[in-house]
Amino acid sequence: MGLSGRFRFIRYLLMGVGLLFVANRGDAQRFEYIITFDKVVVEGIDSTAETPALAHLDVPIALEGEQSGTEKPATSAERKPDQAKKSERPDDLLPKPIKRPSRPAMSFPPGQGTSNPSFVQEGFLVEAFWAVNTGTPEAYFKRAHFHPPDLSSGFEAQHLGNPNELHGIFIRSLDGKRFGLRSLQYRVTRNRQIPNKALSIRGFSNYSINVLVGRSFDPRASIRTYFVAFPVGLPMGNDVTLPWWTLPIFGFEKVEQVYIASSASVDFDNIILTRSEPPPALVPHEEEDK
């Protein structure tokens, strides 16, 4: 091969490598978006909501009948004299049934931004969720809330109510396309809202707190069935000036939706999401609606 032939070969080789490099960069390009919780407008706040302590009060099932206005059957010792002298008919001996309020299963599942408080940021719907009686056939989604309800603090102060409950955040893209969860910032607290409940959900240790991430969630199944646990250490305290830590997330690169929760009380902020293309821009009237 002559000198000119070698130059042409090298030039074509460099052009091919350049085209391959540009193509790979285009395929690998990712757009990052951060859920900051700053100055968001939370829709669906319930102004009549209970205080955190009352909302998470664990009421024994035996007391539900009393609270619904149904009286317990009187024992023979508690009956009045004239009642004791009545003929002991079979229906007098049978205990009266206690009526309990019905609880519709899966009544407030997240997903559409209509059942629970939610906000829109960076082209994503961010909605609160709350599951109770987790891991049992009686489990269901209860109407959820953020912490604080209007997120005026600029972060989500995730906290635990009872060992059989799971609070969390549900995220999906407004246009329904897949996205990735890259990382989030966190602080492990001692349950700032209910300090006397510094404990973990059932099946996890309070000495090793975990951030929980899942692609889907049915509260009737075990939490470990749907969530991947990312250890984040011990509680640091409840001081809002404590430092934030970054938790890298792996295995959630192409999801249609994501559930983010924790095995105990954890503050969340700056959730970094990725997409292969930018989300669609909202037209003016849609921005006003949001």
Protein backbone atom coordinates (compact mmCIF):
# COMPACT_ATOMS: atom_id res chain seq x y z
CA MET A 1 0.00 0.00 0.00
CA GLY A 2 1.41 3.38 -1.01
CA LEU A 3 1.70 6.45 1.21
CA SER A 4 -1.53 7.99 -0.09
CA GLY A 5 -3.34 4.69 0.42
CA ARG A 6 -2.22 4.52 4.04
CA PHE A 7 -3.43 8.10 4.64
CA ARG A 8 -6.82 7.25 3.17
CA PHE A 9 -7.04 4.12 5.31
CA ILE A 10 -6.17 6.03 8.49
CA ARG A 11 -8.64 8.79 7.62
CA TYR A 12 -11.49 6.33 7.03
CA LEU A 13 -10.60 4.48 10.21
CA LEU A 14 -10.71 7.68 12.27
CA MET A 15 -14.02 8.67 10.67
CA GLY A 16 -15.52 5.30 11.57
CA VAL A 17 -14.29 5.51 15.16
CA GLY A 18 -15.69 9.03 15.41
CA LEU A 19 -19.11 7.99 14.15
CA LEU A 20 -19.15 5.05 16.56
CA PHE A 21 -18.19 7.34 19.47
CA VAL A 22 -20.95 9.82 18.63
CA ALA A 23 -23.53 7.03 18.33
CA ASN A 24 -22.53 5.54 21.67
CA ARG A 25 -22.72 8.94 23.34
CA GLY A 26 -26.22 9.42 21.94
CA ASP A 27 -27.35 6.02 23.18
CA ALA A 28 -25.82 6.55 26.61
CA GLN A 29 -27.09 10.08 27.08
CA ARG A 30 -29.30 10.46 30.14
CA PHE A 31 -31.28 13.40 31.40
CA GLU A 32 -31.28 13.85 35.18
CA TYR A 33 -34.13 15.36 37.17
CA ILE A 34 -34.18 16.02 40.90
CA ILE A 35 -37.23 15.79 43.15
CA THR A 36 -36.24 18.54 45.60
CA PHE A 37 -39.55 18.91 47.54
CA ASP A 38 -38.85 22.67 47.49
CA LYS A 39 -41.76 25.09 46.97
CA VAL A 40 -44.07 22.38 45.66
CA VAL A 41 -47.85 22.70 45.63
CA VAL A 42 -49.32 19.65 47.36
CA GLU A 43 -52.80 18.75 46.10
CA GLY A 44 -55.34 16.78 48.10
CA ILE A 45 -54.39 17.86 51.63
CA ASP A 46 -57.08 16.93 54.16
CA SER A 47 -57.58 19.94 56.45
CA THR A 48 -59.48 17.74 58.94
CA ALA A 49 -56.67 15.19 59.26
CA GLU A 50 -55.81 13.87 62.70
CA THR A 51 -52.59 14.65 64.51
CA PRO A 52 -49.75 12.16 63.81
CA ALA A 53 -50.19 10.49 67.20
CA LEU A 54 -53.93 9.96 66.71
CA ALA A 55 -53.60 8.91 63.09
CA HIS A 56 -51.24 6.10 64.09
CA LEU A 57 -53.04 5.04 67.25
CA ASP A 58 -53.23 1.25 67.25
CA VAL A 59 -56.83 0.54 68.34
CA PRO A 60 -57.46 -3.05 69.51
CA ILE A 61 -59.98 -4.87 67.31
CA ALA A 62 -62.05 -5.80 70.38
CA LEU A 63 -62.77 -2.12 71.00
CA GLU A 64 -64.00 -1.38 67.50
CA GLY A 65 -67.51 -2.55 68.33
CA GLU A 66 -67.67 -0.23 71.32
CA GLN A 67 -66.49 2.72 69.25
CA SER A 68 -69.11 2.02 66.59
CA GLY A 69 -71.88 2.31 69.18
CA THR A 70 -72.52 -1.41 69.70
CA GLU A 71 -72.83 -2.53 73.31
CA LYS A 72 -71.14 -5.62 74.68
CA PRO A 73 -73.48 -8.38 75.96
CA ALA A 74 -73.98 -8.28 79.72
CA THR A 75 -72.85 -11.22 81.82
CA SER A 76 -75.15 -13.01 84.24
CA ALA A 77 -73.60 -11.10 87.14
CA GLU A 78 -74.19 -7.77 85.41
CA ARG A 79 -77.85 -8.42 84.57
CA LYS A 80 -80.53 -6.62 86.55
CA PRO A 81 -82.65 -8.71 88.97
CA ASP A 82 -85.72 -8.63 86.73
CA GLN A 83 -83.61 -9.76 83.78
CA ALA A 84 -82.25 -12.73 85.74
CA LYS A 85 -85.77 -13.93 86.57
CA LYS A 86 -86.84 -14.06 82.91
CA SER A 87 -87.17 -17.46 81.30
CA GLU A 88 -83.76 -18.52 80.02
CA ARG A 89 -84.66 -18.81 76.36
CA PRO A 90 -81.89 -19.93 73.98
CA ASP A 91 -81.72 -16.51 72.36
CA ASP A 92 -81.22 -14.91 75.79
CA LEU A 93 -78.18 -17.06 76.38
CA LEU A 94 -76.49 -16.36 73.05
CA PRO A 95 -74.00 -13.45 73.07
CA LYS A 96 -74.95 -10.51 70.92
CA PRO A 97 -72.68 -10.02 67.90
CA ILE A 98 -70.36 -7.05 67.94
CA LYS A 99 -70.58 -5.03 64.76
CA ARG A 100 -67.27 -3.80 63.44
CA PRO A 101 -66.83 -1.06 60.84
CA SER A 102 -66.10 -2.41 57.40
CA ARG A 103 -62.69 -1.64 55.89
CA PRO A 104 -62.56 -1.75 52.10
CA ALA A 105 -59.35 -3.38 50.94
CA MET A 106 -56.98 -1.37 48.76
CA SER A 107 -59.20 1.72 49.10
CA PHE A 108 -56.52 4.39 48.54
CA PRO A 109 -53.84 2.89 46.27
CA PRO A 110 -51.39 5.39 44.77
CA GLY A 111 -50.92 5.87 41.06
CA GLN A 112 -53.22 8.55 39.67
CA GLY A 113 -52.58 11.38 42.11
CA THR A 114 -56.25 11.50 43.09
CA SER A 115 -56.53 9.18 46.12
CA ASN A 116 -53.72 10.69 48.19
CA PRO A 117 -51.88 14.03 48.52
CA SER A 118 -49.46 14.54 45.63
CA PHE A 119 -47.47 17.10 43.68
CA VAL A 120 -45.86 17.38 40.27
CA GLN A 121 -42.19 18.26 39.82
CA GLU A 122 -39.83 17.90 36.84
CA GLY A 123 -42.44 16.00 34.83
CA PHE A 124 -43.08 13.41 37.55
CA LEU A 125 -46.04 12.68 39.80
CA VAL A 126 -44.96 12.27 43.45
CA GLU A 127 -47.69 10.80 45.66
CA ALA A 128 -47.78 9.70 49.31
CA PHE A 129 -48.92 6.17 50.18
CA TRP A 130 -49.78 4.45 53.45
CA ALA A 131 -50.34 0.69 53.90
CA VAL A 132 -51.67 -0.83 57.14
CA ASN A 133 -51.87 -4.41 58.43
CA THR A 134 -49.05 -5.23 56.03
CA GLY A 135 -48.31 -8.87 55.32
CA THR A 136 -51.84 -10.05 56.18
CA PRO A 137 -55.00 -10.74 54.14
CA GLU A 138 -56.62 -7.74 55.88
CA ALA A 139 -54.00 -5.28 54.59
CA TYR A 140 -55.15 -2.24 52.64
CA PHE A 141 -54.05 1.23 51.54
CA LYS A 142 -55.20 3.97 53.89
CA ARG A 143 -55.44 7.62 52.82
CA ALA A 144 -51.86 8.89 53.09
CA HIS A 145 -50.14 12.20 53.83
CA PHE A 146 -46.74 13.85 53.56
CA HIS A 147 -44.69 14.98 56.56
CA PRO A 148 -45.42 17.84 57.00
CA PRO A 149 -48.63 17.66 54.94
CA ASP A 150 -47.68 20.69 52.77
CA LEU A 151 -43.94 19.81 52.62
CA SER A 152 -43.12 23.36 53.74
CA SER A 153 -39.90 22.02 55.29
CA GLY A 154 -38.50 21.29 51.82
CA PHE A 155 -38.05 17.55 52.49
CA GLU A 156 -40.15 14.52 53.37
CA ALA A 157 -39.84 13.63 57.08
CA GLN A 158 -40.75 9.97 56.67
CA HIS A 159 -41.77 8.41 59.99
CA LEU A 160 -43.07 5.13 61.39
CA GLY A 161 -46.48 4.77 63.01
CA ASN A 162 -46.72 1.09 63.93
CA PRO A 163 -44.76 -2.11 63.11
CA ASN A 164 -47.50 -3.27 60.72
CA GLU A 165 -47.65 -0.03 58.71
CA LEU A 166 -45.62 1.32 55.84
CA HIS A 167 -45.43 4.96 54.78
CA GLY A 168 -43.77 5.93 51.56
CA ILE A 169 -43.54 7.85 48.30
CA PHE A 170 -44.84 6.71 44.93
CA ILE A 171 -43.31 8.19 41.75
CA ARG A 172 -44.21 7.82 38.07
CA SER A 173 -43.54 9.82 34.93
CA LEU A 174 -46.46 11.95 33.74
CA ASP A 175 -46.13 10.66 30.19
CA GLY A 176 -46.00 7.02 31.35
CA LYS A 177 -42.54 6.36 29.96
CA ARG A 178 -39.86 4.47 31.84
CA PHE A 179 -37.25 6.18 33.97
CA GLY A 180 -34.49 5.34 36.42
CA LEU A 181 -33.82 5.96 40.10
CA ARG A 182 -30.17 6.90 40.57
CA SER A 183 -29.84 8.13 44.17
CA LEU A 184 -31.46 10.00 47.05
CA GLN A 185 -30.39 11.90 50.14
CA TYR A 186 -31.41 10.69 53.59
CA ARG A 187 -31.13 11.17 57.35
CA VAL A 188 -32.10 8.41 59.77
CA THR A 189 -34.12 9.93 62.63
CA ARG A 190 -35.68 8.77 65.91
CA ASN A 191 -39.23 9.46 64.78
CA ARG A 192 -39.34 13.24 65.02
CA GLN A 193 -43.16 13.38 64.93
CA ILE A 194 -43.83 10.58 67.44
CA PRO A 195 -40.64 10.22 69.55
CA ASN A 196 -42.12 7.47 71.74
CA LYS A 197 -42.34 5.21 68.67
CA ALA A 198 -38.67 4.92 67.76
CA LEU A 199 -39.06 1.42 66.34
CA SER A 200 -39.00 -0.49 63.04
CA ILE A 201 -41.54 -2.25 60.89
CA ARG A 202 -42.07 -5.93 61.51
CA GLY A 203 -39.28 -8.11 60.13
CA PHE A 204 -36.55 -5.44 60.38
CA SER A 205 -34.18 -4.37 63.16
CA ASN A 206 -34.12 -0.93 64.75
CA TYR A 207 -30.32 -1.29 64.90
CA SER A 208 -29.98 -1.49 61.13
CA ILE A 209 -32.35 0.84 59.29
CA ASN A 210 -33.06 0.26 55.60
CA VAL A 211 -34.35 2.40 52.77
CA LEU A 212 -36.84 0.27 50.81
CA VAL A 213 -37.30 0.55 47.04
CA GLY A 214 -39.75 -1.43 44.91
CA ARG A 215 -41.29 -1.48 41.43
CA SER A 216 -44.74 -2.49 42.71
CA PHE A 217 -46.41 -3.21 46.05
CA ASP A 218 -49.33 -5.28 47.31
CA PRO A 219 -49.62 -4.64 51.09
CA ARG A 220 -51.18 -8.08 51.64
CA ALA A 221 -47.83 -9.72 50.84
CA SER A 222 -44.58 -9.57 52.77
CA ILE A 223 -42.70 -6.30 52.38
CA ARG A 224 -39.53 -8.19 51.44
CA THR A 225 -41.43 -9.72 48.51
CA TYR A 226 -41.67 -6.36 46.74
CA PHE A 227 -38.91 -4.16 48.19
CA VAL A 228 -35.14 -4.18 47.94
CA ALA A 229 -33.50 -3.13 51.21
CA PHE A 230 -30.59 -0.65 51.18
CA PRO A 231 -28.92 -0.45 54.65
CA VAL A 232 -28.41 3.12 55.93
CA GLY A 233 -27.22 2.55 59.51
CA LEU A 234 -28.39 3.71 62.91
CA PRO A 235 -30.69 6.64 63.82
CA MET A 236 -28.76 9.90 64.19
CA GLY A 237 -31.36 11.93 66.09
CA ASN A 238 -34.12 14.42 65.35
CA ASP A 239 -32.13 17.63 64.87
CA VAL A 240 -33.09 19.18 61.52
CA THR A 241 -29.54 20.54 61.16
CA LEU A 242 -27.97 17.08 61.01
CA PRO A 243 -26.05 16.36 57.76
CA TRP A 244 -27.55 14.61 54.76
CA TRP A 245 -26.06 11.48 53.22
CA THR A 246 -26.33 10.25 49.62
CA LEU A 247 -27.54 6.72 48.92
CA PRO A 248 -26.75 5.35 45.43
CA ILE A 249 -29.55 3.13 44.08
CA PHE A 250 -28.81 0.18 41.79
CA GLY A 251 -31.18 -2.09 39.88
CA PHE A 252 -33.88 0.47 39.10
CA GLU A 253 -32.71 1.85 35.77
CA LYS A 254 -35.85 1.21 33.69
CA VAL A 255 -39.01 1.34 35.77
CA GLU A 256 -42.58 2.39 35.03
CA GLN A 257 -43.10 3.45 38.64
CA VAL A 258 -41.23 3.27 41.93
CA TYR A 259 -42.15 2.96 45.61
CA ILE A 260 -39.71 4.47 48.14
CA ALA A 261 -40.13 3.75 51.85
CA SER A 262 -38.04 2.86 54.91
CA SER A 263 -37.98 0.29 57.70
CA ALA A 264 -38.00 3.09 60.30
CA SER A 265 -38.14 6.89 60.37
CA VAL A 266 -36.00 8.50 57.64
CA ASP A 267 -35.89 11.98 56.07
CA PHE A 268 -35.84 12.00 52.25
CA ASP A 269 -34.63 14.75 49.91
CA ASN A 270 -33.14 15.30 46.43
CA ILE A 271 -34.31 12.12 44.72
CA ILE A 272 -32.40 11.90 41.41
CA LEU A 273 -34.32 10.37 38.51
CA THR A 274 -33.02 9.69 34.98
CA ARG A 275 -34.64 9.46 31.57
CA SER A 276 -33.37 8.75 28.07
CA GLU A 277 -35.25 11.82 26.83
CA PRO A 278 -36.65 14.96 28.45
CA PRO A 279 -40.25 14.79 29.71
CA PRO A 280 -42.85 16.73 27.73
CA ALA A 281 -43.25 20.40 28.63
CA LEU A 282 -46.56 21.35 30.20
CA VAL A 283 -48.68 23.74 28.19
CA PRO A 284 -49.78 26.94 30.03
CA HIS A 285 -53.26 25.73 31.02
CA GLU A 286 -51.81 22.45 32.38
CA GLU A 287 -49.33 24.40 34.50
CA GLU A 288 -52.22 26.38 35.98
CA ASP A 289 -54.12 23.20 36.77
CA LYS A 290 -51.08 21.79 38.59
